[in-house]
Amino acid sequence: MEKRCIIVSGGRPGPAPQPQPGDLVIACDRGYRYCTGLGLQPDLFIGDFDSYDGAVDPAVPVERLQPEKDDTDTMLAIKEGLRLGYRCFVIYGGLGGRLDHSVANIQSLSYLLGEGAQGTLIDENHKVFLLRNGKIALNEPYHYISVFAYGGECRGVTLKGVQYPLDRVTLTPDFPLGVSNQQKGEKALIQVEDGTLL
């Protein structure tokens, strides 16, 4: 199994991360409170302490940031994970809470693709990821599956194993044709020939 960089941010907490040997866990500001509440000790704390003002375990390295910066705390955690060689990112607490931070975290998924990495945002109800010029098999059942054109047209979009299949259609970012599909059975396939699907 590929080593993962697990980032715990300050949005809606969602399910508890399950780190495996070799994974790196980074807490971002309020995400540290979520970690301690779960009994999870992060490998690193990154934050400007604008949403967390408590103590940090002395055994946890802290990278204290200035509040006035271009990157969010989560983006700086992503950059640190990339610097350390990680290419698989799972971000908890990156959705819910402030809408602007949810949008910023979705944009960070695109940044990861540009860096040759893959990211997933997870909360109690959602798994959000980007798929660029490729296909993916969903091997676990999901009630709803939605796909959206991200950053431009998506050509050659195919959905199989769903209530409303698509066969090499074009999706555009100004019409949500791919919203609220339903999976049939245990497996589904999503493919895009040219473009980036959210």
C-alpha atoms as a PDB file:
ATOM      1  CA  MET A   1       0.000   0.000   0.000  1.00  0.00           C
ATOM      2  CA  GLU A   2       1.308   3.434  -0.947  1.00  0.00           C
ATOM      3  CA  LYS A   3       2.462   5.669   1.890  1.00  0.00           C
ATOM      4  CA  ARG A   4       0.014   8.490   2.515  1.00  0.00           C
ATOM      5  CA  CYS A   5       0.239  12.010   3.813  1.00  0.00           C
ATOM      6  CA  ILE A   6      -2.803  12.362   6.073  1.00  0.00           C
ATOM      7  CA  ILE A   7      -3.750  15.973   6.745  1.00  0.00           C
ATOM      8  CA  VAL A   8      -6.248  16.846   9.465  1.00  0.00           C
ATOM      9  CA  SER A   9      -7.654  20.340   8.873  1.00  0.00           C
ATOM     10  CA  GLY A  10     -10.128  22.481  10.775  1.00  0.00           C
ATOM     11  CA  GLY A  11     -13.397  21.956   8.887  1.00  0.00           C
ATOM     12  CA  ARG A  12     -16.030  19.358   9.731  1.00  0.00           C
ATOM     13  CA  PRO A  13     -14.086  16.514  11.404  1.00  0.00           C
ATOM     14  CA  GLY A  14     -15.740  13.465   9.782  1.00  0.00           C
ATOM     15  CA  PRO A  15     -14.457   9.921  10.291  1.00  0.00           C
ATOM     16  CA  ALA A  16     -11.318   9.148  12.241  1.00  0.00           C
ATOM     17  CA  PRO A  17      -8.144   8.780  10.157  1.00  0.00           C
ATOM     18  CA  GLN A  18      -6.612   5.309  10.253  1.00  0.00           C
ATOM     19  CA  PRO A  19      -2.850   5.814   9.753  1.00  0.00           C
ATOM     20  CA  GLN A  20      -0.785   2.852   8.601  1.00  0.00           C
ATOM     21  CA  PRO A  21       2.978   2.353   9.047  1.00  0.00           C
ATOM     22  CA  GLY A  22       4.836   4.800   6.814  1.00  0.00           C
ATOM     23  CA  ASP A  23       2.013   7.352   6.742  1.00  0.00           C
ATOM     24  CA  LEU A  24       2.716  10.952   7.726  1.00  0.00           C
ATOM     25  CA  VAL A  25       0.041  12.741   9.809  1.00  0.00           C
ATOM     26  CA  ILE A  26      -0.011  16.548   9.759  1.00  0.00           C
ATOM     27  CA  ALA A  27      -2.437  18.531  11.941  1.00  0.00           C
ATOM     28  CA  CYS A  28      -3.408  21.988  10.689  1.00  0.00           C
ATOM     29  CA  ASP A  29      -4.430  24.457  13.397  1.00  0.00           C
ATOM     30  CA  ARG A  30      -7.874  23.382  14.723  1.00  0.00           C
ATOM     31  CA  GLY A  31      -7.180  19.971  13.218  1.00  0.00           C
ATOM     32  CA  TYR A  32      -4.837  19.394  16.162  1.00  0.00           C
ATOM     33  CA  ARG A  33      -7.844  19.511  18.507  1.00  0.00           C
ATOM     34  CA  TYR A  34      -9.539  16.852  16.376  1.00  0.00           C
ATOM     35  CA  CYS A  35      -6.429  14.680  16.535  1.00  0.00           C
ATOM     36  CA  THR A  36      -6.152  14.897  20.312  1.00  0.00           C
ATOM     37  CA  GLY A  37      -9.874  14.170  20.662  1.00  0.00           C
ATOM     38  CA  LEU A  38      -9.322  10.966  18.676  1.00  0.00           C
ATOM     39  CA  GLY A  39      -6.207   9.996  20.619  1.00  0.00           C
ATOM     40  CA  LEU A  40      -4.126  10.466  17.457  1.00  0.00           C
ATOM     41  CA  GLN A  41      -0.689  12.064  17.807  1.00  0.00           C
ATOM     42  CA  PRO A  42       0.299  13.853  14.595  1.00  0.00           C
ATOM     43  CA  ASP A  43       3.852  13.782  13.288  1.00  0.00           C
ATOM     44  CA  LEU A  44       3.765  17.539  12.688  1.00  0.00           C
ATOM     45  CA  PHE A  45       1.630  20.562  13.615  1.00  0.00           C
ATOM     46  CA  ILE A  46       1.419  23.307  10.988  1.00  0.00           C
ATOM     47  CA  GLY A  47      -0.598  26.431  11.671  1.00  0.00           C
ATOM     48  CA  ASP A  48      -0.849  30.112  12.454  1.00  0.00           C
ATOM     49  CA  PHE A  49      -2.823  29.451  15.683  1.00  0.00           C
ATOM     50  CA  ASP A  50      -5.787  31.529  14.527  1.00  0.00           C
ATOM     51  CA  SER A  51      -8.261  28.689  15.151  1.00  0.00           C
ATOM     52  CA  TYR A  52      -6.351  26.805  17.860  1.00  0.00           C
ATOM     53  CA  ASP A  53      -4.859  28.461  20.920  1.00  0.00           C
ATOM     54  CA  GLY A  54      -4.221  25.528  23.234  1.00  0.00           C
ATOM     55  CA  ALA A  55      -1.086  23.667  24.160  1.00  0.00           C
ATOM     56  CA  VAL A  56       0.724  21.307  21.798  1.00  0.00           C
ATOM     57  CA  ASP A  57       2.397  18.139  23.039  1.00  0.00           C
ATOM     58  CA  PRO A  58       6.150  18.878  23.260  1.00  0.00           C
ATOM     59  CA  ALA A  59       6.799  15.642  21.356  1.00  0.00           C
ATOM     60  CA  VAL A  60       5.017  17.068  18.272  1.00  0.00           C
ATOM     61  CA  PRO A  61       7.161  19.334  16.069  1.00  0.00           C
ATOM     62  CA  VAL A  62       5.444  22.670  15.406  1.00  0.00           C
ATOM     63  CA  GLU A  63       5.777  24.868  12.334  1.00  0.00           C
ATOM     64  CA  ARG A  64       4.249  28.160  13.474  1.00  0.00           C
ATOM     65  CA  LEU A  65       3.098  30.330  10.577  1.00  0.00           C
ATOM     66  CA  GLN A  66       2.396  34.022  10.242  1.00  0.00           C
ATOM     67  CA  PRO A  67      -1.334  34.736   9.756  1.00  0.00           C
ATOM     68  CA  GLU A  68      -0.495  37.043   6.820  1.00  0.00           C
ATOM     69  CA  LYS A  69       0.414  34.573   4.055  1.00  0.00           C
ATOM     70  CA  ASP A  70      -0.668  33.519   0.586  1.00  0.00           C
ATOM     71  CA  ASP A  71      -1.127  29.801   1.336  1.00  0.00           C
ATOM     72  CA  THR A  72      -3.714  28.311   3.655  1.00  0.00           C
ATOM     73  CA  ASP A  73      -2.447  26.124   6.486  1.00  0.00           C
ATOM     74  CA  THR A  74      -3.723  23.079   4.566  1.00  0.00           C
ATOM     75  CA  MET A  75      -1.866  24.104   1.403  1.00  0.00           C
ATOM     76  CA  LEU A  76       1.349  24.517   3.390  1.00  0.00           C
ATOM     77  CA  ALA A  77       0.817  21.036   4.837  1.00  0.00           C
ATOM     78  CA  ILE A  78       0.374  19.713   1.283  1.00  0.00           C
ATOM     79  CA  LYS A  79       3.602  21.401   0.181  1.00  0.00           C
ATOM     80  CA  GLU A  80       5.435  19.888   3.161  1.00  0.00           C
ATOM     81  CA  GLY A  81       4.120  16.425   2.304  1.00  0.00           C
ATOM     82  CA  LEU A  82       5.228  16.856  -1.312  1.00  0.00           C
ATOM     83  CA  ARG A  83       8.662  18.057  -0.157  1.00  0.00           C
ATOM     84  CA  LEU A  84       8.984  14.875   1.892  1.00  0.00           C
ATOM     85  CA  GLY A  85       8.203  12.732  -1.141  1.00  0.00           C
ATOM     86  CA  TYR A  86       4.556  11.814  -0.555  1.00  0.00           C
ATOM     87  CA  ARG A  87       2.309  11.490  -3.606  1.00  0.00           C
ATOM     88  CA  CYS A  88      -0.907  10.189  -2.024  1.00  0.00           C
ATOM     89  CA  PHE A  89      -2.796  12.685   0.165  1.00  0.00           C
ATOM     90  CA  VAL A  90      -5.908  12.150   2.278  1.00  0.00           C
ATOM     91  CA  ILE A  91      -7.370  15.306   3.805  1.00  0.00           C
ATOM     92  CA  TYR A  92      -9.795  15.104   6.722  1.00  0.00           C
ATOM     93  CA  GLY A  93     -11.605  18.206   7.974  1.00  0.00           C
ATOM     94  CA  GLY A  94     -11.166  19.903   4.593  1.00  0.00           C
ATOM     95  CA  LEU A  95     -14.904  20.194   3.918  1.00  0.00           C
ATOM     96  CA  GLY A  96     -17.728  21.804   5.851  1.00  0.00           C
ATOM     97  CA  GLY A  97     -17.181  24.774   8.086  1.00  0.00           C
ATOM     98  CA  ARG A  98     -16.275  27.799   5.975  1.00  0.00           C
ATOM     99  CA  LEU A  99     -17.272  27.512   2.314  1.00  0.00           C
ATOM    100  CA  ASP A 100     -14.227  29.496   1.164  1.00  0.00           C
ATOM    101  CA  HIS A 101     -11.899  26.957   2.780  1.00  0.00           C
ATOM    102  CA  SER A 102     -13.844  24.055   1.230  1.00  0.00           C
ATOM    103  CA  VAL A 103     -13.396  25.638  -2.213  1.00  0.00           C
ATOM    104  CA  ALA A 104      -9.708  26.317  -1.497  1.00  0.00           C
ATOM    105  CA  ASN A 105      -9.233  22.665  -0.536  1.00  0.00           C
ATOM    106  CA  ILE A 106     -10.898  21.488  -3.755  1.00  0.00           C
ATOM    107  CA  GLN A 107      -8.494  23.759  -5.646  1.00  0.00           C
ATOM    108  CA  SER A 108      -5.638  22.165  -3.732  1.00  0.00           C
ATOM    109  CA  LEU A 109      -6.597  18.826  -5.311  1.00  0.00           C
ATOM    110  CA  SER A 110      -5.844  20.402  -8.697  1.00  0.00           C
ATOM    111  CA  TYR A 111      -2.509  21.662  -7.357  1.00  0.00           C
ATOM    112  CA  LEU A 112      -1.670  18.101  -6.311  1.00  0.00           C
ATOM    113  CA  LEU A 113      -2.448  16.760  -9.799  1.00  0.00           C
ATOM    114  CA  GLY A 114      -0.110  19.365 -11.239  1.00  0.00           C
ATOM    115  CA  GLU A 115       2.608  18.073  -8.924  1.00  0.00           C
ATOM    116  CA  GLY A 116       2.102  14.457 -10.012  1.00  0.00           C
ATOM    117  CA  ALA A 117       0.212  13.552  -6.841  1.00  0.00           C
ATOM    118  CA  GLN A 118      -3.353  12.579  -5.955  1.00  0.00           C
ATOM    119  CA  GLY A 119      -5.538  13.891  -3.173  1.00  0.00           C
ATOM    120  CA  THR A 120      -8.886  13.007  -1.631  1.00  0.00           C
ATOM    121  CA  LEU A 121     -11.031  15.106   0.694  1.00  0.00           C
ATOM    122  CA  ILE A 122     -13.045  13.013   3.158  1.00  0.00           C
ATOM    123  CA  ASP A 123     -15.828  13.836   5.596  1.00  0.00           C
ATOM    124  CA  GLU A 124     -18.634  11.733   7.063  1.00  0.00           C
ATOM    125  CA  ASN A 125     -20.693  11.903   3.853  1.00  0.00           C
ATOM    126  CA  HIS A 126     -18.266  12.594   1.000  1.00  0.00           C
ATOM    127  CA  LYS A 127     -15.134  11.530  -0.811  1.00  0.00           C
ATOM    128  CA  VAL A 128     -14.019  14.234  -3.227  1.00  0.00           C
ATOM    129  CA  PHE A 129     -11.237  13.817  -5.781  1.00  0.00           C
ATOM    130  CA  LEU A 130     -10.216  14.925  -9.257  1.00  0.00           C
ATOM    131  CA  LEU A 131      -9.730  12.639 -12.240  1.00  0.00           C
ATOM    132  CA  ARG A 132      -7.722  13.984 -15.168  1.00  0.00           C
ATOM    133  CA  ASN A 133      -7.490  12.202 -18.543  1.00  0.00           C
ATOM    134  CA  GLY A 134      -8.053   8.754 -17.106  1.00  0.00           C
ATOM    135  CA  LYS A 135     -10.429   6.269 -15.556  1.00  0.00           C
ATOM    136  CA  ILE A 136     -11.140   4.826 -12.154  1.00  0.00           C
ATOM    137  CA  ALA A 137     -13.115   1.826 -10.968  1.00  0.00           C
ATOM    138  CA  LEU A 138     -15.112   2.363  -7.788  1.00  0.00           C
ATOM    139  CA  ASN A 139     -14.927  -1.004  -6.056  1.00  0.00           C
ATOM    140  CA  GLU A 140     -17.097  -0.132  -3.083  1.00  0.00           C
ATOM    141  CA  PRO A 141     -20.760   0.871  -3.153  1.00  0.00           C
ATOM    142  CA  TYR A 142     -21.663   4.555  -3.053  1.00  0.00           C
ATOM    143  CA  HIS A 143     -25.258   5.708  -2.911  1.00  0.00           C
ATOM    144  CA  TYR A 144     -24.713   8.876  -4.942  1.00  0.00           C
ATOM    145  CA  ILE A 145     -22.008   9.649  -7.476  1.00  0.00           C
ATOM    146  CA  SER A 146     -21.704  13.121  -8.983  1.00  0.00           C
ATOM    147  CA  VAL A 147     -19.218  14.245 -11.623  1.00  0.00           C
ATOM    148  CA  PHE A 148     -18.570  17.844 -12.654  1.00  0.00           C
ATOM    149  CA  ALA A 149     -16.347  19.415 -15.279  1.00  0.00           C
ATOM    150  CA  TYR A 150     -13.578  21.209 -13.394  1.00  0.00           C
ATOM    151  CA  GLY A 151     -11.638  24.037 -14.997  1.00  0.00           C
ATOM    152  CA  GLY A 152     -13.005  23.559 -18.520  1.00  0.00           C
ATOM    153  CA  GLU A 153     -14.786  21.099 -20.775  1.00  0.00           C
ATOM    154  CA  CYS A 154     -14.476  17.375 -20.137  1.00  0.00           C
ATOM    155  CA  ARG A 155     -14.701  15.328 -23.324  1.00  0.00           C
ATOM    156  CA  GLY A 156     -15.271  11.604 -23.608  1.00  0.00           C
ATOM    157  CA  VAL A 157     -16.946  11.189 -20.224  1.00  0.00           C
ATOM    158  CA  THR A 158     -18.207   7.646 -19.631  1.00  0.00           C
ATOM    159  CA  LEU A 159     -20.059   6.348 -16.581  1.00  0.00           C
ATOM    160  CA  LYS A 160     -20.884   2.655 -16.192  1.00  0.00           C
ATOM    161  CA  GLY A 161     -22.553   0.735 -13.383  1.00  0.00           C
ATOM    162  CA  VAL A 162     -24.811   3.681 -12.537  1.00  0.00           C
ATOM    163  CA  GLN A 163     -28.513   4.472 -12.871  1.00  0.00           C
ATOM    164  CA  TYR A 164     -27.855   7.057 -15.603  1.00  0.00           C
ATOM    165  CA  PRO A 165     -24.894   5.876 -17.697  1.00  0.00           C
ATOM    166  CA  LEU A 166     -22.960   8.171 -20.007  1.00  0.00           C
ATOM    167  CA  ASP A 167     -21.072   7.127 -23.121  1.00  0.00           C
ATOM    168  CA  ARG A 168     -18.330   9.509 -24.263  1.00  0.00           C
ATOM    169  CA  VAL A 169     -20.312  12.709 -23.670  1.00  0.00           C
ATOM    170  CA  THR A 170     -18.956  16.217 -23.128  1.00  0.00           C
ATOM    171  CA  LEU A 171     -19.554  17.905 -19.782  1.00  0.00           C
ATOM    172  CA  THR A 172     -19.138  21.647 -19.353  1.00  0.00           C
ATOM    173  CA  PRO A 173     -18.515  23.669 -16.192  1.00  0.00           C
ATOM    174  CA  ASP A 174     -21.698  25.704 -16.681  1.00  0.00           C
ATOM    175  CA  PHE A 175     -24.283  22.899 -16.588  1.00  0.00           C
ATOM    176  CA  PRO A 176     -24.425  20.208 -13.864  1.00  0.00           C
ATOM    177  CA  LEU A 177     -25.496  17.225 -16.004  1.00  0.00           C
ATOM    178  CA  GLY A 178     -23.457  14.820 -13.861  1.00  0.00           C
ATOM    179  CA  VAL A 179     -25.060  15.597 -10.504  1.00  0.00           C
ATOM    180  CA  SER A 180     -26.700  12.997  -8.240  1.00  0.00           C
ATOM    181  CA  ASN A 181     -26.308   9.761 -10.166  1.00  0.00           C
ATOM    182  CA  GLN A 182     -26.832   6.478  -8.331  1.00  0.00           C
ATOM    183  CA  GLN A 183     -24.567   3.463  -8.293  1.00  0.00           C
ATOM    184  CA  LYS A 184     -26.014   0.083  -9.293  1.00  0.00           C
ATOM    185  CA  GLY A 185     -24.350  -2.897  -7.667  1.00  0.00           C
ATOM    186  CA  GLU A 186     -20.887  -3.077  -6.154  1.00  0.00           C
ATOM    187  CA  LYS A 187     -18.807  -1.485  -8.912  1.00  0.00           C
ATOM    188  CA  ALA A 188     -18.893   1.583 -11.119  1.00  0.00           C
ATOM    189  CA  LEU A 189     -16.537   3.051 -13.713  1.00  0.00           C
ATOM    190  CA  ILE A 190     -15.752   6.715 -14.315  1.00  0.00           C
ATOM    191  CA  GLN A 191     -13.689   7.752 -17.325  1.00  0.00           C
ATOM    192  CA  VAL A 192     -12.730  11.059 -18.919  1.00  0.00           C
ATOM    193  CA  GLU A 193     -10.689  11.124 -22.125  1.00  0.00           C
ATOM    194  CA  ASP A 194      -9.772  14.813 -22.074  1.00  0.00           C
ATOM    195  CA  GLY A 195     -10.266  17.119 -19.116  1.00  0.00           C
ATOM    196  CA  THR A 196     -10.551  17.101 -15.351  1.00  0.00           C
ATOM    197  CA  LEU A 197     -13.582  15.712 -13.550  1.00  0.00           C
ATOM    198  CA  LEU A 198     -14.480  16.635  -9.978  1.00  0.00           C
END
